Amino acid sequence: MLKRAGHSHDPQGVGNTKPGECALLCPACPHPRKNLLENWKDAPLHHVFLYTLYLALDTNFQLKRKDVSSEAKDPGLGNGWAFFCEVVTYMKHVQKHWDYKQDRSHCVAHDAVDKPDREARGTASSGICAVDCARHNLKQPLAVGDLQLREHMAQIDVKSGYINMDYMFFRSIAGSELVRYFVSYDIVCQWHINLWSRMAEYKNEAITIDGRGKFMMLLIPRFHLPAHIELCNLKFSFHLTPDVGQTDGEAPERGWADANPLARSTKEMGPRARRDALDDHFNDWNHKKIVGLGQLYFA
C-alpha cells in the first residue's frame, strides 16, 4: 500500500505518512488545488454543480467481526493511512458518548434506528459505516469505521444523532475548501436533526468544521425513499432536487455487494488485520473504478 501510494521510500520513514494519504481519490470529484481552476469559487450559478461534492452515507451489517483477539494482540500495519479512520481517536469519541440515548424515529420504524440487533451478540463489531462518492461510487478516505450494535445513537440534552455516522461524515469533509455538498443517507430524515449542534457538543477537533458559508442538501436514496412517510418524500427527494441529474444516492449499496463476500474471512480476523484487509479491498475497488472511468464516460 505504501509503495503504490508513493511512500515506501520517504526519507523520513513510513511513519511520516499522513492520515488518508494511501487512499486513492476519485479523480472525477472536485478537489481544490488538485483538479479545479484557481477561480472555481467565482463560477456562475449555472456551473456551481461542477464544484459540488456528492456524498452517500451508509452502514453494512454483513461485515461484522467476532469478539476475538484485541488491539494489543493484533497491532496491524497501518492506522488511519487509507479508509479506516484513526482508531484511537474514533474509539475515544464512541466511548465518550456511548451512554447517550436517542429519541424514537419520527418517520417509520427504521430497523437501524429502533430495533435491537440480535445478530450482533458475540461480536466486537456489528458492521461498518462508510461515506462514498455518490456520483462515482468510490470510498472516501478516513470515512470508514466499525459499528457497535446498530448505528449507535446519541442524545445530548434533547438532541439525537448517530455518534458513528456523525464522526465519519464530518471526518470525510474536515479541512475541505468546498462549500456545496449533496448528502444522501437512507435515514437522513432522523440523522440530520440538530446535526450542527451535535458537532459543536462533541468538541472534537478532528470532526469540527466551520459551517458558515457552506450549503448542504440532504436527501434520501431513490430506492429507499418510498419506505418513508409522505413528508420525507417531499423534503428529501432526488426527483424534486435540481443539480443532481440521474444521481440516485444508492452508490454504497453497489460497493457492499462487492465487499460482502469478504465477510466470511474478515469476521474471523483480529481488529487490525481486518482493517488492513478491508483497506486493501477498498483501494482495489477504487482503482478499478478509476481505470474504468474513461470507458464508462467516453465509450
C-alpha atoms as a PDB file:
ATOM      1  CA  MET A   1       0.000   0.000   0.000  1.00  0.00           C
ATOM      2  CA  LEU A   2       2.811   2.386   0.853  1.00  0.00           C
ATOM      3  CA  LYS A   3       4.596   1.564  -2.401  1.00  0.00           C
ATOM      4  CA  ARG A   4       1.517   2.198  -4.509  1.00  0.00           C
ATOM      5  CA  ALA A   5       0.894   5.462  -2.677  1.00  0.00           C
ATOM      6  CA  GLY A   6       4.490   6.630  -3.225  1.00  0.00           C
ATOM      7  CA  HIS A   7       5.509   6.495   0.444  1.00  0.00           C
ATOM      8  CA  SER A   8       7.735   3.417   0.611  1.00  0.00           C
ATOM      9  CA  HIS A   9      10.927   5.476   0.158  1.00  0.00           C
ATOM     10  CA  ASP A  10      10.005   8.553   2.165  1.00  0.00           C
ATOM     11  CA  PRO A  11      13.289   9.967   3.582  1.00  0.00           C
ATOM     12  CA  GLN A  12      11.576  10.430   6.934  1.00  0.00           C
ATOM     13  CA  GLY A  13      10.278   6.866   7.005  1.00  0.00           C
ATOM     14  CA  VAL A  14       6.837   5.365   6.656  1.00  0.00           C
ATOM     15  CA  GLY A  15       5.861   6.956   9.953  1.00  0.00           C
ATOM     16  CA  ASN A  16       5.711  10.262   8.089  1.00  0.00           C
ATOM     17  CA  THR A  17       2.653   9.033   6.184  1.00  0.00           C
ATOM     18  CA  LYS A  18      -0.273  11.331   6.930  1.00  0.00           C
ATOM     19  CA  PRO A  19      -3.859  10.172   7.598  1.00  0.00           C
ATOM     20  CA  GLY A  20      -5.657   9.088   4.441  1.00  0.00           C
ATOM     21  CA  GLU A  21      -2.667   9.560   2.122  1.00  0.00           C
ATOM     22  CA  CYS A  22      -2.686   5.947   0.930  1.00  0.00           C
ATOM     23  CA  ALA A  23      -6.299   6.045  -0.266  1.00  0.00           C
ATOM     24  CA  LEU A  24      -6.979   6.518  -3.970  1.00  0.00           C
ATOM     25  CA  LEU A  25      -9.113   9.614  -4.542  1.00  0.00           C
ATOM     26  CA  CYS A  26     -11.941   9.901  -7.027  1.00  0.00           C
ATOM     27  CA  PRO A  27     -10.457  11.878  -9.942  1.00  0.00           C
ATOM     28  CA  ALA A  28     -13.906  12.946 -11.190  1.00  0.00           C
ATOM     29  CA  CYS A  29     -14.917  14.624  -7.906  1.00  0.00           C
ATOM     30  CA  PRO A  30     -13.854  18.216  -7.169  1.00  0.00           C
ATOM     31  CA  HIS A  31     -10.592  18.552  -5.236  1.00  0.00           C
ATOM     32  CA  PRO A  32      -9.410  22.141  -4.660  1.00  0.00           C
ATOM     33  CA  ARG A  33      -5.725  22.699  -5.533  1.00  0.00           C
ATOM     34  CA  LYS A  34      -5.715  19.407  -7.448  1.00  0.00           C
ATOM     35  CA  ASN A  35      -8.216  19.357 -10.294  1.00  0.00           C
ATOM     36  CA  LEU A  36     -10.035  22.706 -10.058  1.00  0.00           C
ATOM     37  CA  LEU A  37      -9.289  26.095 -11.563  1.00  0.00           C
ATOM     38  CA  GLU A  38      -7.996  28.727  -9.171  1.00  0.00           C
ATOM     39  CA  ASN A  39     -11.126  30.825  -9.588  1.00  0.00           C
ATOM     40  CA  TRP A  40     -13.620  27.975  -9.113  1.00  0.00           C
ATOM     41  CA  LYS A  41     -15.367  29.839  -6.292  1.00  0.00           C
ATOM     42  CA  ASP A  42     -16.340  32.556  -8.780  1.00  0.00           C
ATOM     43  CA  ALA A  43     -18.196  30.159 -11.097  1.00  0.00           C
ATOM     44  CA  PRO A  44     -21.616  31.359 -12.337  1.00  0.00           C
ATOM     45  CA  LEU A  45     -24.693  29.915 -10.668  1.00  0.00           C
ATOM     46  CA  HIS A  46     -25.465  27.530 -13.529  1.00  0.00           C
ATOM     47  CA  HIS A  47     -21.983  25.960 -13.166  1.00  0.00           C
ATOM     48  CA  VAL A  48     -21.768  25.545  -9.381  1.00  0.00           C
ATOM     49  CA  PHE A  49     -22.873  21.910  -9.626  1.00  0.00           C
ATOM     50  CA  LEU A  50     -19.451  21.193 -11.142  1.00  0.00           C
ATOM     51  CA  TYR A  51     -17.856  22.172  -7.830  1.00  0.00           C
ATOM     52  CA  THR A  52     -20.281  20.294  -5.599  1.00  0.00           C
ATOM     53  CA  LEU A  53     -19.320  17.126  -3.747  1.00  0.00           C
ATOM     54  CA  TYR A  54     -21.970  14.411  -3.802  1.00  0.00           C
ATOM     55  CA  LEU A  55     -21.651  12.054  -0.848  1.00  0.00           C
ATOM     56  CA  ALA A  56     -23.573   8.932   0.150  1.00  0.00           C
ATOM     57  CA  LEU A  57     -23.576   7.553   3.699  1.00  0.00           C
ATOM     58  CA  ASP A  58     -24.491   4.008   4.627  1.00  0.00           C
ATOM     59  CA  THR A  59     -23.869   1.131   7.010  1.00  0.00           C
ATOM     60  CA  ASN A  60     -23.188  -2.540   6.367  1.00  0.00           C
ATOM     61  CA  PHE A  61     -24.159  -5.131   8.972  1.00  0.00           C
ATOM     62  CA  GLN A  62     -22.729  -8.038   6.969  1.00  0.00           C
ATOM     63  CA  LEU A  63     -19.105  -7.035   7.560  1.00  0.00           C
ATOM     64  CA  LYS A  64     -19.169  -7.774  11.272  1.00  0.00           C
ATOM     65  CA  ARG A  65     -16.257  -9.125  13.324  1.00  0.00           C
ATOM     66  CA  LYS A  66     -16.351 -11.753  16.041  1.00  0.00           C
ATOM     67  CA  ASP A  67     -15.144 -10.891  19.501  1.00  0.00           C
ATOM     68  CA  VAL A  68     -11.706 -12.420  19.059  1.00  0.00           C
ATOM     69  CA  SER A  69      -8.174 -11.092  19.607  1.00  0.00           C
ATOM     70  CA  SER A  70      -7.617  -7.447  20.610  1.00  0.00           C
ATOM     71  CA  GLU A  71      -5.910  -4.253  19.523  1.00  0.00           C
ATOM     72  CA  ALA A  72      -2.900  -5.150  21.689  1.00  0.00           C
ATOM     73  CA  LYS A  73      -2.523  -8.665  20.256  1.00  0.00           C
ATOM     74  CA  ASP A  74      -3.161  -7.622  16.656  1.00  0.00           C
ATOM     75  CA  PRO A  75      -1.121  -4.450  16.043  1.00  0.00           C
ATOM     76  CA  GLY A  76      -1.788  -4.287  12.291  1.00  0.00           C
ATOM     77  CA  LEU A  77       0.357  -2.483   9.741  1.00  0.00           C
ATOM     78  CA  GLY A  78      -1.262   0.893   9.227  1.00  0.00           C
ATOM     79  CA  ASN A  79      -3.620   3.021  11.271  1.00  0.00           C
ATOM     80  CA  GLY A  80      -5.610   5.722   9.518  1.00  0.00           C
ATOM     81  CA  TRP A  81      -3.486   5.671   6.369  1.00  0.00           C
ATOM     82  CA  ALA A  82      -6.309   4.818   3.991  1.00  0.00           C
ATOM     83  CA  PHE A  83     -10.065   4.416   4.501  1.00  0.00           C
ATOM     84  CA  PHE A  84     -10.470   3.370   8.115  1.00  0.00           C
ATOM     85  CA  CYS A  85     -10.191   6.399  10.365  1.00  0.00           C
ATOM     86  CA  GLU A  86      -7.633   6.638  13.159  1.00  0.00           C
ATOM     87  CA  VAL A  87      -8.864   4.026  15.628  1.00  0.00           C
ATOM     88  CA  VAL A  88      -7.750   5.576  18.923  1.00  0.00           C
ATOM     89  CA  THR A  89      -9.342   8.953  18.199  1.00  0.00           C
ATOM     90  CA  TYR A  90     -12.506   7.355  16.866  1.00  0.00           C
ATOM     91  CA  MET A  91     -12.956   4.982  19.792  1.00  0.00           C
ATOM     92  CA  LYS A  92     -12.430   7.800  22.290  1.00  0.00           C
ATOM     93  CA  HIS A  93     -15.288   9.596  20.552  1.00  0.00           C
ATOM     94  CA  VAL A  94     -17.516   6.496  20.710  1.00  0.00           C
ATOM     95  CA  GLN A  95     -16.712   5.706  24.331  1.00  0.00           C
ATOM     96  CA  LYS A  96     -17.228   9.293  25.455  1.00  0.00           C
ATOM     97  CA  HIS A  97     -20.755   9.399  24.030  1.00  0.00           C
ATOM     98  CA  TRP A  98     -21.695   5.726  24.387  1.00  0.00           C
ATOM     99  CA  ASP A  99     -24.316   6.172  27.127  1.00  0.00           C
ATOM    100  CA  TYR A 100     -26.326   8.780  25.264  1.00  0.00           C
ATOM    101  CA  LYS A 101     -29.812   7.711  24.219  1.00  0.00           C
ATOM    102  CA  GLN A 102     -31.875   8.740  21.216  1.00  0.00           C
ATOM    103  CA  ASP A 103     -35.427   9.765  20.556  1.00  0.00           C
ATOM    104  CA  ARG A 104     -37.535   7.314  18.623  1.00  0.00           C
ATOM    105  CA  SER A 105     -37.989   7.837  14.911  1.00  0.00           C
ATOM    106  CA  HIS A 106     -40.475  10.465  13.748  1.00  0.00           C
ATOM    107  CA  CYS A 107     -40.698   8.599  10.462  1.00  0.00           C
ATOM    108  CA  VAL A 108     -41.479   4.905  10.008  1.00  0.00           C
ATOM    109  CA  ALA A 109     -39.800   2.365  12.298  1.00  0.00           C
ATOM    110  CA  HIS A 110     -36.425   2.007  10.586  1.00  0.00           C
ATOM    111  CA  ASP A 111     -34.565  -1.077  11.772  1.00  0.00           C
ATOM    112  CA  ALA A 112     -31.288   0.823  12.051  1.00  0.00           C
ATOM    113  CA  VAL A 113     -32.871   3.284  14.477  1.00  0.00           C
ATOM    114  CA  ASP A 114     -35.303   1.480  16.730  1.00  0.00           C
ATOM    115  CA  LYS A 115     -34.752  -2.276  16.802  1.00  0.00           C
ATOM    116  CA  PRO A 116     -32.077  -4.185  18.754  1.00  0.00           C
ATOM    117  CA  ASP A 117     -29.532  -6.153  16.790  1.00  0.00           C
ATOM    118  CA  ARG A 118     -29.748  -9.749  17.975  1.00  0.00           C
ATOM    119  CA  GLU A 119     -27.236 -10.848  15.354  1.00  0.00           C
ATOM    120  CA  ALA A 120     -24.617  -8.597  16.958  1.00  0.00           C
ATOM    121  CA  ARG A 121     -24.309 -10.797  20.054  1.00  0.00           C
ATOM    122  CA  GLY A 122     -20.819 -12.208  20.411  1.00  0.00           C
ATOM    123  CA  THR A 123     -19.303  -9.677  18.033  1.00  0.00           C
ATOM    124  CA  ALA A 124     -16.757  -6.959  18.658  1.00  0.00           C
ATOM    125  CA  SER A 125     -18.102  -5.051  15.665  1.00  0.00           C
ATOM    126  CA  SER A 126     -21.621  -5.421  14.273  1.00  0.00           C
ATOM    127  CA  GLY A 127     -20.567  -3.972  10.924  1.00  0.00           C
ATOM    128  CA  ILE A 128     -19.077  -0.841   9.412  1.00  0.00           C
ATOM    129  CA  CYS A 129     -20.282   2.591   8.397  1.00  0.00           C
ATOM    130  CA  ALA A 130     -18.797   4.457   5.452  1.00  0.00           C
ATOM    131  CA  VAL A 131     -19.004   7.515   3.223  1.00  0.00           C
ATOM    132  CA  ASP A 132     -18.861   7.099  -0.556  1.00  0.00           C
ATOM    133  CA  CYS A 133     -18.693   9.403  -3.533  1.00  0.00           C
ATOM    134  CA  ALA A 134     -22.338   9.288  -4.623  1.00  0.00           C
ATOM    135  CA  ARG A 135     -21.581  10.053  -8.269  1.00  0.00           C
ATOM    136  CA  HIS A 136     -18.809   7.564  -8.964  1.00  0.00           C
ATOM    137  CA  ASN A 137     -19.077   5.080  -6.081  1.00  0.00           C
ATOM    138  CA  LEU A 138     -15.562   5.412  -4.617  1.00  0.00           C
ATOM    139  CA  LYS A 139     -14.866   5.112  -0.907  1.00  0.00           C
ATOM    140  CA  GLN A 140     -13.783   8.340   0.798  1.00  0.00           C
ATOM    141  CA  PRO A 141     -10.521   8.461   2.801  1.00  0.00           C
ATOM    142  CA  LEU A 142     -10.811   8.268   6.601  1.00  0.00           C
ATOM    143  CA  ALA A 143     -14.548   7.682   6.339  1.00  0.00           C
ATOM    144  CA  VAL A 144     -14.906   4.012   7.317  1.00  0.00           C
ATOM    145  CA  GLY A 145     -15.340   2.845  10.885  1.00  0.00           C
ATOM    146  CA  ASP A 146     -16.640  -0.034  12.987  1.00  0.00           C
ATOM    147  CA  LEU A 147     -20.141  -0.121  14.430  1.00  0.00           C
ATOM    148  CA  GLN A 148     -21.048  -1.287  17.898  1.00  0.00           C
ATOM    149  CA  LEU A 149     -24.511  -2.904  17.896  1.00  0.00           C
ATOM    150  CA  ARG A 150     -26.696  -0.945  15.488  1.00  0.00           C
ATOM    151  CA  GLU A 151     -25.789   2.509  14.262  1.00  0.00           C
ATOM    152  CA  HIS A 152     -25.342   3.738  17.811  1.00  0.00           C
ATOM    153  CA  MET A 153     -27.379   6.767  18.674  1.00  0.00           C
ATOM    154  CA  ALA A 154     -26.500   9.684  20.873  1.00  0.00           C
ATOM    155  CA  GLN A 155     -28.626  12.158  22.758  1.00  0.00           C
ATOM    156  CA  ILE A 156     -27.166  15.397  24.027  1.00  0.00           C
ATOM    157  CA  ASP A 157     -29.824  17.049  26.208  1.00  0.00           C
ATOM    158  CA  VAL A 158     -32.823  16.705  23.874  1.00  0.00           C
ATOM    159  CA  LYS A 159     -30.776  16.210  20.750  1.00  0.00           C
ATOM    160  CA  SER A 160     -30.484  12.911  18.905  1.00  0.00           C
ATOM    161  CA  GLY A 161     -27.952  11.702  16.398  1.00  0.00           C
ATOM    162  CA  TYR A 162     -25.594   8.961  15.334  1.00  0.00           C
ATOM    163  CA  ILE A 163     -22.231   9.081  17.045  1.00  0.00           C
ATOM    164  CA  ASN A 164     -20.697   6.720  14.477  1.00  0.00           C
ATOM    165  CA  MET A 165     -22.076   8.270  11.315  1.00  0.00           C
ATOM    166  CA  ASP A 166     -21.565  11.797  12.616  1.00  0.00           C
ATOM    167  CA  TYR A 167     -17.890  11.044  13.028  1.00  0.00           C
ATOM    168  CA  MET A 168     -17.498   9.502   9.559  1.00  0.00           C
ATOM    169  CA  PHE A 169     -19.359  12.281   7.801  1.00  0.00           C
ATOM    170  CA  PHE A 170     -17.561  15.195   9.435  1.00  0.00           C
ATOM    171  CA  ARG A 171     -14.196  13.422   9.251  1.00  0.00           C
ATOM    172  CA  SER A 172     -14.661  12.924   5.494  1.00  0.00           C
ATOM    173  CA  ILE A 173     -15.130  16.651   4.814  1.00  0.00           C
ATOM    174  CA  ALA A 174     -12.940  18.141   7.559  1.00  0.00           C
ATOM    175  CA  GLY A 175     -10.406  20.525   6.052  1.00  0.00           C
ATOM    176  CA  SER A 176     -12.113  20.675   2.648  1.00  0.00           C
ATOM    177  CA  GLU A 177     -12.406  24.043   0.926  1.00  0.00           C
ATOM    178  CA  LEU A 178     -15.573  23.025  -0.914  1.00  0.00           C
ATOM    179  CA  VAL A 179     -18.720  24.909   0.002  1.00  0.00           C
ATOM    180  CA  ARG A 180     -21.506  22.801  -1.576  1.00  0.00           C
ATOM    181  CA  TYR A 181     -22.411  19.247  -0.576  1.00  0.00           C
ATOM    182  CA  PHE A 182     -25.257  16.943  -1.537  1.00  0.00           C
ATOM    183  CA  VAL A 183     -25.514  14.274   1.151  1.00  0.00           C
ATOM    184  CA  SER A 184     -27.542  11.076   0.743  1.00  0.00           C
ATOM    185  CA  TYR A 185     -28.430   8.741   3.623  1.00  0.00           C
ATOM    186  CA  ASP A 186     -31.318   6.287   3.875  1.00  0.00           C
ATOM    187  CA  ILE A 187     -32.422   7.652   7.269  1.00  0.00           C
ATOM    188  CA  VAL A 188     -31.369  11.259   6.775  1.00  0.00           C
ATOM    189  CA  CYS A 189     -34.801  12.410   7.992  1.00  0.00           C
ATOM    190  CA  GLN A 190     -33.737  11.453  11.537  1.00  0.00           C
ATOM    191  CA  TRP A 191     -29.984  11.815  11.304  1.00  0.00           C
ATOM    192  CA  HIS A 192     -29.974  15.452  10.144  1.00  0.00           C
ATOM    193  CA  ILE A 193     -31.902  16.767  13.162  1.00  0.00           C
ATOM    194  CA  ASN A 194     -29.581  19.005  15.244  1.00  0.00           C
ATOM    195  CA  LEU A 195     -26.596  17.838  13.181  1.00  0.00           C
ATOM    196  CA  TRP A 196     -24.598  21.051  13.610  1.00  0.00           C
ATOM    197  CA  SER A 197     -25.325  21.457  17.305  1.00  0.00           C
ATOM    198  CA  ARG A 198     -24.229  17.857  17.894  1.00  0.00           C
ATOM    199  CA  MET A 199     -20.951  18.544  16.120  1.00  0.00           C
ATOM    200  CA  ALA A 200     -20.350  21.518  18.415  1.00  0.00           C
ATOM    201  CA  GLU A 201     -21.163  19.434  21.500  1.00  0.00           C
ATOM    202  CA  TYR A 202     -18.658  16.734  20.533  1.00  0.00           C
ATOM    203  CA  LYS A 203     -15.803  19.231  20.983  1.00  0.00           C
ATOM    204  CA  ASN A 204     -13.524  17.137  18.789  1.00  0.00           C
ATOM    205  CA  GLU A 205     -11.116  18.991  16.512  1.00  0.00           C
ATOM    206  CA  ALA A 206     -10.911  16.065  14.076  1.00  0.00           C
ATOM    207  CA  ILE A 207     -14.588  16.406  13.164  1.00  0.00           C
ATOM    208  CA  THR A 208     -15.222  20.100  13.726  1.00  0.00           C
ATOM    209  CA  ILE A 209     -15.828  22.190  10.619  1.00  0.00           C
ATOM    210  CA  ASP A 210     -16.870  25.785  10.056  1.00  0.00           C
ATOM    211  CA  GLY A 211     -20.355  25.601   8.599  1.00  0.00           C
ATOM    212  CA  ARG A 212     -20.566  29.296   7.755  1.00  0.00           C
ATOM    213  CA  GLY A 213     -20.913  29.813   4.016  1.00  0.00           C
ATOM    214  CA  LYS A 214     -21.432  26.105   3.340  1.00  0.00           C
ATOM    215  CA  PHE A 215     -24.511  24.758   1.575  1.00  0.00           C
ATOM    216  CA  MET A 216     -25.706  21.221   2.266  1.00  0.00           C
ATOM    217  CA  MET A 217     -28.633  19.494   0.606  1.00  0.00           C
ATOM    218  CA  LEU A 218     -29.738  16.361   2.479  1.00  0.00           C
ATOM    219  CA  LEU A 219     -31.506  13.632   0.524  1.00  0.00           C
ATOM    220  CA  ILE A 220     -32.767  10.053   0.789  1.00  0.00           C
ATOM    221  CA  PRO A 221     -31.638   7.479  -1.832  1.00  0.00           C
ATOM    222  CA  ARG A 222     -34.248   6.895  -4.523  1.00  0.00           C
ATOM    223  CA  PHE A 223     -34.805   3.203  -3.835  1.00  0.00           C
ATOM    224  CA  HIS A 224     -35.196   3.771  -0.087  1.00  0.00           C
ATOM    225  CA  LEU A 225     -37.446   6.824  -0.327  1.00  0.00           C
ATOM    226  CA  PRO A 226     -40.814   5.058  -0.902  1.00  0.00           C
ATOM    227  CA  ALA A 227     -40.459   3.349   2.501  1.00  0.00           C
ATOM    228  CA  HIS A 228     -40.619   6.751   4.220  1.00  0.00           C
ATOM    229  CA  ILE A 229     -43.626   8.845   5.156  1.00  0.00           C
ATOM    230  CA  GLU A 230     -45.095  11.344   2.694  1.00  0.00           C
ATOM    231  CA  LEU A 231     -43.344  14.334   4.258  1.00  0.00           C
ATOM    232  CA  CYS A 232     -39.943  12.705   3.660  1.00  0.00           C
ATOM    233  CA  ASN A 233     -40.916  12.071   0.037  1.00  0.00           C
ATOM    234  CA  LEU A 234     -41.482  15.801  -0.367  1.00  0.00           C
ATOM    235  CA  LYS A 235     -38.483  17.118   1.590  1.00  0.00           C
ATOM    236  CA  PHE A 236     -35.683  14.686   0.698  1.00  0.00           C
ATOM    237  CA  SER A 237     -36.392  13.516  -2.845  1.00  0.00           C
ATOM    238  CA  PHE A 238     -33.738  13.392  -5.566  1.00  0.00           C
ATOM    239  CA  HIS A 239     -36.577  13.701  -8.107  1.00  0.00           C
ATOM    240  CA  LEU A 240     -37.532  17.134  -6.751  1.00  0.00           C
ATOM    241  CA  THR A 241     -33.971  18.451  -6.371  1.00  0.00           C
ATOM    242  CA  PRO A 242     -32.110  20.437  -9.046  1.00  0.00           C
ATOM    243  CA  ASP A 243     -28.443  19.817  -9.933  1.00  0.00           C
ATOM    244  CA  VAL A 244     -28.469  16.082  -9.148  1.00  0.00           C
ATOM    245  CA  GLY A 245     -29.093  14.696 -12.648  1.00  0.00           C
ATOM    246  CA  GLN A 246     -29.574  10.938 -12.512  1.00  0.00           C
ATOM    247  CA  THR A 247     -27.748  10.503  -9.205  1.00  0.00           C
ATOM    248  CA  ASP A 248     -29.733   8.041  -7.094  1.00  0.00           C
ATOM    249  CA  GLY A 249     -27.750   8.064  -3.843  1.00  0.00           C
ATOM    250  CA  GLU A 250     -27.531   4.259  -3.824  1.00  0.00           C
ATOM    251  CA  ALA A 251     -23.792   4.113  -4.551  1.00  0.00           C
ATOM    252  CA  PRO A 252     -22.803   2.410  -1.254  1.00  0.00           C
ATOM    253  CA  GLU A 253     -25.159  -0.499  -1.918  1.00  0.00           C
ATOM    254  CA  ARG A 254     -23.210  -1.388  -5.058  1.00  0.00           C
ATOM    255  CA  GLY A 255     -19.971  -1.303  -3.116  1.00  0.00           C
ATOM    256  CA  TRP A 256     -21.395  -3.538  -0.385  1.00  0.00           C
ATOM    257  CA  ALA A 257     -22.392  -6.127  -2.983  1.00  0.00           C
ATOM    258  CA  ASP A 258     -18.726  -6.350  -3.952  1.00  0.00           C
ATOM    259  CA  ALA A 259     -17.390  -6.357  -0.375  1.00  0.00           C
ATOM    260  CA  ASN A 260     -19.844  -8.712   1.334  1.00  0.00           C
ATOM    261  CA  PRO A 261     -18.180 -11.941   0.056  1.00  0.00           C
ATOM    262  CA  LEU A 262     -15.206 -10.959   2.246  1.00  0.00           C
ATOM    263  CA  ALA A 263     -17.301 -11.276   5.389  1.00  0.00           C
ATOM    264  CA  ARG A 264     -16.709 -14.997   5.923  1.00  0.00           C
ATOM    265  CA  SER A 265     -12.988 -14.331   6.179  1.00  0.00           C
ATOM    266  CA  THR A 266     -12.831 -10.925   7.836  1.00  0.00           C
ATOM    267  CA  LYS A 267     -15.272 -11.793  10.626  1.00  0.00           C
ATOM    268  CA  GLU A 268     -12.697 -14.279  11.969  1.00  0.00           C
ATOM    269  CA  MET A 269      -9.777 -11.811  11.927  1.00  0.00           C
ATOM    270  CA  GLY A 270      -8.302  -9.672  14.631  1.00  0.00           C
ATOM    271  CA  PRO A 271      -9.267  -5.993  14.596  1.00  0.00           C
ATOM    272  CA  ARG A 272      -6.366  -4.511  12.692  1.00  0.00           C
ATOM    273  CA  ALA A 273      -5.814  -7.430  10.336  1.00  0.00           C
ATOM    274  CA  ARG A 274      -9.434  -6.986   9.304  1.00  0.00           C
ATOM    275  CA  ARG A 275      -8.985  -3.249   8.806  1.00  0.00           C
ATOM    276  CA  ASP A 276      -5.862  -3.827   6.708  1.00  0.00           C
ATOM    277  CA  ALA A 277      -7.710  -6.385   4.573  1.00  0.00           C
ATOM    278  CA  LEU A 278     -10.703  -4.104   4.026  1.00  0.00           C
ATOM    279  CA  ASP A 279      -8.484  -1.089   3.335  1.00  0.00           C
ATOM    280  CA  ASP A 280      -6.743  -3.126   0.633  1.00  0.00           C
ATOM    281  CA  HIS A 281     -10.053  -4.234  -0.833  1.00  0.00           C
ATOM    282  CA  PHE A 282     -11.489  -0.702  -0.897  1.00  0.00           C
ATOM    283  CA  ASN A 283      -8.346   0.628  -2.570  1.00  0.00           C
ATOM    284  CA  ASP A 284      -8.637  -2.116  -5.185  1.00  0.00           C
ATOM    285  CA  TRP A 285     -12.317  -1.197  -5.650  1.00  0.00           C
ATOM    286  CA  ASN A 286     -11.392   2.479  -6.107  1.00  0.00           C
ATOM    287  CA  HIS A 287      -8.611   1.561  -8.540  1.00  0.00           C
ATOM    288  CA  LYS A 288     -10.964  -0.481 -10.700  1.00  0.00           C
ATOM    289  CA  LYS A 289     -13.449   2.365 -10.719  1.00  0.00           C
ATOM    290  CA  ILE A 290     -10.762   4.875 -11.706  1.00  0.00           C
ATOM    291  CA  VAL A 291      -9.352   2.865 -14.612  1.00  0.00           C
ATOM    292  CA  GLY A 292     -12.881   2.248 -15.833  1.00  0.00           C
ATOM    293  CA  LEU A 293     -13.980   5.891 -15.851  1.00  0.00           C
ATOM    294  CA  GLY A 294     -12.711   6.509 -19.378  1.00  0.00           C
ATOM    295  CA  GLN A 295     -14.627   3.609 -20.850  1.00  0.00           C
ATOM    296  CA  LEU A 296     -17.715   4.460 -18.791  1.00  0.00           C
ATOM    297  CA  TYR A 297     -17.972   8.105 -19.840  1.00  0.00           C
ATOM    298  CA  PHE A 298     -16.414   8.165 -23.293  1.00  0.00           C
ATOM    299  CA  ALA A 299     -17.138   4.755 -24.849  1.00  0.00           C
END
